[in-house]
Amino acid sequence: MHAFLLKMSEEEEPNEQDKEWVNAVRELSYDMEDSIDDFMQGVDDKDNKPDGFLEKIKHSLRKLGKMKTRQRIGNEIQDLKKQIIDVGKRNQRYKGLLQDFQCDR
């Protein structure tokens, strides 16, 4: 994504389709950064060995909460992956339609 955005930033006069694609890819990259930040905060593991019974229970509950956070973030990443694939397919489909349209003229 980064390489694509760099390449497109060098284009002097991109067409409207390319501008839309750049915007879609840029938005997805921001969403990915946010998910990665959430993930890094959610897995920040400072495991101290619990001493007593209550500490062990608290420790277990924290681990359970981290598992739920990891699962949520994993689902977000899977959703982003699907969106990225959809954006790429949509771009290829529209480029093909544009080329067909230009050939008919």
N, C-alpha and C. Protein backbone atom coordinates (compact mmCIF):
# COMPACT_ATOMS: atom_id res chain seq x y z
N MET A 1 0.82 -1.19 0.00
CA MET A 1 0.00 0.00 0.00
C MET A 1 0.87 1.25 0.00
N HIS A 2 1.90 1.20 0.82
CA HIS A 2 2.79 2.36 0.92
C HIS A 2 3.46 2.64 -0.42
N ALA A 3 3.95 1.57 -1.07
CA ALA A 3 4.62 1.73 -2.36
C ALA A 3 3.65 2.29 -3.41
N PHE A 4 2.42 1.79 -3.39
CA PHE A 4 1.42 2.28 -4.33
C PHE A 4 1.15 3.76 -4.10
N LEU A 5 0.97 4.16 -2.84
CA LEU A 5 0.69 5.56 -2.54
C LEU A 5 1.86 6.46 -2.93
N LEU A 6 3.08 5.98 -2.71
CA LEU A 6 4.26 6.76 -3.14
C LEU A 6 4.28 6.92 -4.66
N LYS A 7 4.03 5.82 -5.37
CA LYS A 7 4.04 5.87 -6.83
C LYS A 7 2.97 6.83 -7.35
N MET A 8 1.79 6.76 -6.77
CA MET A 8 0.70 7.61 -7.24
C MET A 8 0.94 9.08 -6.88
N SER A 9 1.69 9.34 -5.84
CA SER A 9 1.99 10.73 -5.48
C SER A 9 2.93 11.37 -6.51
N GLU A 10 3.63 10.54 -7.27
CA GLU A 10 4.54 11.05 -8.29
C GLU A 10 3.84 11.32 -9.62
N GLU A 11 2.62 10.81 -9.77
CA GLU A 11 1.85 11.04 -10.99
C GLU A 11 1.49 12.52 -11.09
N GLU A 12 1.74 13.10 -12.24
CA GLU A 12 1.46 14.52 -12.42
C GLU A 12 -0.02 14.81 -12.53
N GLU A 13 -0.71 14.05 -13.35
CA GLU A 13 -2.14 14.28 -13.53
C GLU A 13 -2.88 12.93 -13.56
N PRO A 14 -3.13 12.35 -12.37
CA PRO A 14 -3.85 11.07 -12.36
C PRO A 14 -5.31 11.27 -12.79
N ASN A 15 -5.87 10.23 -13.41
CA ASN A 15 -7.27 10.33 -13.81
C ASN A 15 -8.17 10.19 -12.58
N GLU A 16 -9.45 10.43 -12.76
CA GLU A 16 -10.40 10.42 -11.64
C GLU A 16 -10.48 9.06 -10.96
N GLN A 17 -10.41 8.00 -11.75
CA GLN A 17 -10.47 6.66 -11.19
C GLN A 17 -9.27 6.40 -10.28
N ASP A 18 -8.08 6.79 -10.73
CA ASP A 18 -6.89 6.61 -9.92
C ASP A 18 -6.96 7.45 -8.64
N LYS A 19 -7.52 8.66 -8.73
CA LYS A 19 -7.68 9.49 -7.53
C LYS A 19 -8.58 8.81 -6.51
N GLU A 20 -9.68 8.22 -7.00
CA GLU A 20 -10.61 7.52 -6.10
C GLU A 20 -9.93 6.31 -5.47
N TRP A 21 -9.14 5.59 -6.29
CA TRP A 21 -8.45 4.42 -5.77
C TRP A 21 -7.43 4.82 -4.72
N VAL A 22 -6.70 5.89 -4.95
CA VAL A 22 -5.73 6.39 -3.97
C VAL A 22 -6.44 6.73 -2.66
N ASN A 23 -7.58 7.40 -2.76
CA ASN A 23 -8.33 7.75 -1.54
C ASN A 23 -8.78 6.51 -0.78
N ALA A 24 -9.26 5.50 -1.51
CA ALA A 24 -9.71 4.27 -0.86
C ALA A 24 -8.54 3.55 -0.18
N VAL A 25 -7.41 3.47 -0.88
CA VAL A 25 -6.23 2.80 -0.30
C VAL A 25 -5.71 3.58 0.90
N ARG A 26 -5.70 4.89 0.81
CA ARG A 26 -5.23 5.72 1.92
C ARG A 26 -6.11 5.51 3.16
N GLU A 27 -7.42 5.51 2.98
CA GLU A 27 -8.35 5.30 4.10
C GLU A 27 -8.14 3.93 4.73
N LEU A 28 -7.96 2.90 3.89
CA LEU A 28 -7.71 1.57 4.41
C LEU A 28 -6.39 1.51 5.18
N SER A 29 -5.38 2.22 4.71
CA SER A 29 -4.10 2.21 5.42
C SER A 29 -4.24 2.89 6.79
N TYR A 30 -5.05 3.95 6.86
CA TYR A 30 -5.31 4.59 8.17
C TYR A 30 -6.03 3.62 9.10
N ASP A 31 -7.02 2.91 8.56
CA ASP A 31 -7.76 1.94 9.37
C ASP A 31 -6.83 0.84 9.87
N MET A 32 -5.90 0.39 9.00
CA MET A 32 -4.94 -0.63 9.41
C MET A 32 -4.04 -0.13 10.53
N GLU A 33 -3.57 1.10 10.40
CA GLU A 33 -2.73 1.68 11.46
C GLU A 33 -3.48 1.72 12.79
N ASP A 34 -4.74 2.12 12.74
CA ASP A 34 -5.54 2.17 13.97
C ASP A 34 -5.69 0.78 14.58
N SER A 35 -5.93 -0.23 13.76
CA SER A 35 -6.07 -1.60 14.26
C SER A 35 -4.77 -2.10 14.86
N ILE A 36 -3.67 -1.77 14.22
CA ILE A 36 -2.37 -2.19 14.76
C ILE A 36 -2.10 -1.51 16.09
N ASP A 37 -2.43 -0.22 16.19
CA ASP A 37 -2.26 0.48 17.47
C ASP A 37 -3.11 -0.16 18.56
N ASP A 38 -4.38 -0.48 18.23
CA ASP A 38 -5.26 -1.15 19.20
C ASP A 38 -4.68 -2.48 19.62
N PHE A 39 -4.16 -3.22 18.64
CA PHE A 39 -3.58 -4.52 18.93
C PHE A 39 -2.39 -4.39 19.88
N MET A 40 -1.52 -3.44 19.59
CA MET A 40 -0.33 -3.27 20.43
C MET A 40 -0.72 -2.89 21.86
N GLN A 41 -1.75 -2.08 22.02
CA GLN A 41 -2.20 -1.73 23.37
C GLN A 41 -2.87 -2.93 24.04
N GLY A 42 -3.60 -3.71 23.26
CA GLY A 42 -4.34 -4.84 23.82
C GLY A 42 -3.47 -6.01 24.22
N VAL A 43 -2.28 -6.12 23.66
CA VAL A 43 -1.42 -7.26 23.99
C VAL A 43 -0.23 -6.86 24.85
N ASP A 44 -0.23 -5.65 25.33
CA ASP A 44 0.85 -5.19 26.19
C ASP A 44 0.87 -6.10 27.42
N ASP A 45 1.78 -7.04 27.41
CA ASP A 45 1.83 -8.05 28.46
C ASP A 45 2.94 -7.75 29.45
N LYS A 46 2.52 -7.38 30.62
CA LYS A 46 3.47 -7.22 31.72
C LYS A 46 3.06 -8.23 32.78
N ASP A 47 3.38 -9.48 32.48
CA ASP A 47 2.96 -10.57 33.36
C ASP A 47 3.84 -10.64 34.60
N ASN A 48 3.26 -10.23 35.70
CA ASN A 48 3.89 -10.45 36.99
C ASN A 48 3.24 -11.68 37.59
N LYS A 49 4.01 -12.47 38.25
CA LYS A 49 3.46 -13.67 38.86
C LYS A 49 2.57 -13.26 40.04
N PRO A 50 1.29 -13.68 40.01
CA PRO A 50 0.40 -13.34 41.12
C PRO A 50 0.79 -14.11 42.38
N ASP A 51 0.67 -13.42 43.50
CA ASP A 51 1.07 -14.03 44.78
C ASP A 51 -0.06 -14.81 45.44
N GLY A 52 -1.15 -14.16 45.69
CA GLY A 52 -2.23 -14.81 46.44
C GLY A 52 -3.36 -15.27 45.55
N PHE A 53 -4.36 -15.85 46.21
CA PHE A 53 -5.52 -16.39 45.51
C PHE A 53 -6.26 -15.30 44.74
N LEU A 54 -6.54 -14.17 45.40
CA LEU A 54 -7.25 -13.08 44.73
C LEU A 54 -6.44 -12.51 43.57
N GLU A 55 -5.15 -12.42 43.74
CA GLU A 55 -4.29 -11.93 42.65
C GLU A 55 -4.33 -12.88 41.46
N LYS A 56 -4.39 -14.19 41.73
CA LYS A 56 -4.47 -15.16 40.64
C LYS A 56 -5.79 -15.02 39.89
N ILE A 57 -6.86 -14.77 40.61
CA ILE A 57 -8.17 -14.58 39.96
C ILE A 57 -8.14 -13.31 39.11
N LYS A 58 -7.62 -12.22 39.67
CA LYS A 58 -7.53 -10.96 38.91
C LYS A 58 -6.67 -11.16 37.66
N HIS A 59 -5.57 -11.87 37.83
CA HIS A 59 -4.66 -12.15 36.72
C HIS A 59 -5.38 -12.93 35.62
N SER A 60 -6.16 -13.93 36.01
CA SER A 60 -6.91 -14.74 35.05
C SER A 60 -7.95 -13.90 34.32
N LEU A 61 -8.62 -13.02 35.05
CA LEU A 61 -9.63 -12.16 34.43
C LEU A 61 -8.99 -11.19 33.43
N ARG A 62 -7.82 -10.67 33.78
CA ARG A 62 -7.11 -9.79 32.84
C ARG A 62 -6.74 -10.55 31.57
N LYS A 63 -6.28 -11.78 31.72
CA LYS A 63 -5.92 -12.59 30.55
C LYS A 63 -7.15 -12.86 29.69
N LEU A 64 -8.30 -13.11 30.32
CA LEU A 64 -9.53 -13.33 29.58
C LEU A 64 -9.91 -12.08 28.80
N GLY A 65 -9.78 -10.92 29.43
CA GLY A 65 -10.07 -9.66 28.76
C GLY A 65 -9.14 -9.44 27.58
N LYS A 66 -7.87 -9.82 27.73
CA LYS A 66 -6.91 -9.67 26.63
C LYS A 66 -7.26 -10.60 25.48
N MET A 67 -7.76 -11.80 25.80
CA MET A 67 -8.15 -12.74 24.74
C MET A 67 -9.30 -12.16 23.93
N LYS A 68 -10.27 -11.57 24.61
CA LYS A 68 -11.41 -10.96 23.90
C LYS A 68 -10.93 -9.80 23.03
N THR A 69 -10.00 -9.01 23.56
CA THR A 69 -9.45 -7.89 22.79
C THR A 69 -8.73 -8.41 21.56
N ARG A 70 -7.93 -9.44 21.73
CA ARG A 70 -7.21 -10.01 20.60
C ARG A 70 -8.16 -10.57 19.55
N GLN A 71 -9.23 -11.21 19.99
CA GLN A 71 -10.20 -11.76 19.05
C GLN A 71 -10.90 -10.62 18.28
N ARG A 72 -11.26 -9.56 18.98
CA ARG A 72 -11.91 -8.42 18.33
C ARG A 72 -10.99 -7.80 17.29
N ILE A 73 -9.73 -7.61 17.66
CA ILE A 73 -8.77 -7.01 16.74
C ILE A 73 -8.50 -7.94 15.56
N GLY A 74 -8.44 -9.24 15.82
CA GLY A 74 -8.27 -10.21 14.73
C GLY A 74 -9.42 -10.13 13.75
N ASN A 75 -10.63 -9.99 14.26
CA ASN A 75 -11.80 -9.84 13.38
C ASN A 75 -11.72 -8.55 12.58
N GLU A 76 -11.25 -7.47 13.20
CA GLU A 76 -11.09 -6.21 12.48
C GLU A 76 -10.08 -6.36 11.35
N ILE A 77 -8.99 -7.04 11.63
CA ILE A 77 -7.95 -7.24 10.62
C ILE A 77 -8.48 -8.08 9.46
N GLN A 78 -9.26 -9.12 9.76
CA GLN A 78 -9.86 -9.93 8.70
C GLN A 78 -10.81 -9.08 7.85
N ASP A 79 -11.57 -8.21 8.49
CA ASP A 79 -12.48 -7.33 7.76
C ASP A 79 -11.69 -6.37 6.86
N LEU A 80 -10.61 -5.82 7.38
CA LEU A 80 -9.78 -4.92 6.57
C LEU A 80 -9.18 -5.66 5.38
N LYS A 81 -8.76 -6.90 5.60
CA LYS A 81 -8.20 -7.70 4.52
C LYS A 81 -9.23 -7.88 3.40
N LYS A 82 -10.48 -8.18 3.78
CA LYS A 82 -11.54 -8.32 2.78
C LYS A 82 -11.76 -7.01 2.04
N GLN A 83 -11.73 -5.89 2.76
CA GLN A 83 -11.93 -4.60 2.13
C GLN A 83 -10.82 -4.30 1.12
N ILE A 84 -9.58 -4.62 1.48
CA ILE A 84 -8.44 -4.40 0.60
C ILE A 84 -8.61 -5.21 -0.68
N ILE A 85 -8.99 -6.47 -0.53
CA ILE A 85 -9.20 -7.33 -1.70
C ILE A 85 -10.32 -6.77 -2.57
N ASP A 86 -11.41 -6.33 -1.94
CA ASP A 86 -12.53 -5.75 -2.70
C ASP A 86 -12.12 -4.50 -3.46
N VAL A 87 -11.33 -3.63 -2.82
CA VAL A 87 -10.89 -2.41 -3.49
C VAL A 87 -10.03 -2.76 -4.71
N GLY A 88 -9.13 -3.72 -4.55
CA GLY A 88 -8.28 -4.14 -5.67
C GLY A 88 -9.09 -4.72 -6.81
N LYS A 89 -10.06 -5.60 -6.48
CA LYS A 89 -10.91 -6.20 -7.52
C LYS A 89 -11.75 -5.14 -8.22
N ARG A 90 -12.30 -4.22 -7.44
CA ARG A 90 -13.12 -3.16 -8.02
C ARG A 90 -12.29 -2.30 -8.97
N ASN A 91 -11.07 -1.98 -8.58
CA ASN A 91 -10.20 -1.18 -9.44
C ASN A 91 -9.90 -1.91 -10.74
N GLN A 92 -9.59 -3.20 -10.65
CA GLN A 92 -9.29 -3.98 -11.86
C GLN A 92 -10.52 -4.06 -12.77
N ARG A 93 -11.69 -4.25 -12.16
CA ARG A 93 -12.92 -4.35 -12.94
C ARG A 93 -13.20 -3.05 -13.68
N TYR A 94 -13.06 -1.92 -13.00
CA TYR A 94 -13.34 -0.64 -13.63
C TYR A 94 -12.29 -0.26 -14.65
N LYS A 95 -11.04 -0.64 -14.41
CA LYS A 95 -10.00 -0.38 -15.42
C LYS A 95 -10.31 -1.16 -16.69
N GLY A 96 -10.79 -2.39 -16.53
CA GLY A 96 -11.16 -3.20 -17.69
C GLY A 96 -12.32 -2.59 -18.45
N LEU A 97 -13.32 -2.10 -17.71
CA LEU A 97 -14.46 -1.44 -18.36
C LEU A 97 -14.02 -0.19 -19.10
N LEU A 98 -13.13 0.57 -18.51
CA LEU A 98 -12.63 1.79 -19.14
C LEU A 98 -11.88 1.46 -20.42
N GLN A 99 -11.05 0.42 -20.38
CA GLN A 99 -10.31 0.03 -21.57
C GLN A 99 -11.25 -0.47 -22.66
N ASP A 100 -12.28 -1.23 -22.28
CA ASP A 100 -13.27 -1.69 -23.26
C ASP A 100 -13.99 -0.51 -23.89
N PHE A 101 -14.33 0.47 -23.07
CA PHE A 101 -15.03 1.66 -23.56
C PHE A 101 -14.15 2.43 -24.55
N GLN A 102 -12.87 2.55 -24.24
CA GLN A 102 -11.96 3.29 -25.12
C GLN A 102 -11.73 2.54 -26.42
N CYS A 103 -11.73 1.20 -26.38
CA CYS A 103 -11.52 0.41 -27.59
C CYS A 103 -12.73 0.50 -28.52
N ASP A 104 -13.93 0.68 -27.95
CA ASP A 104 -15.15 0.76 -28.76
C ASP A 104 -15.22 2.06 -29.54
N ARG A 105 -14.52 3.06 -29.12
CA ARG A 105 -14.58 4.36 -29.78
C ARG A 105 -13.80 4.39 -31.03
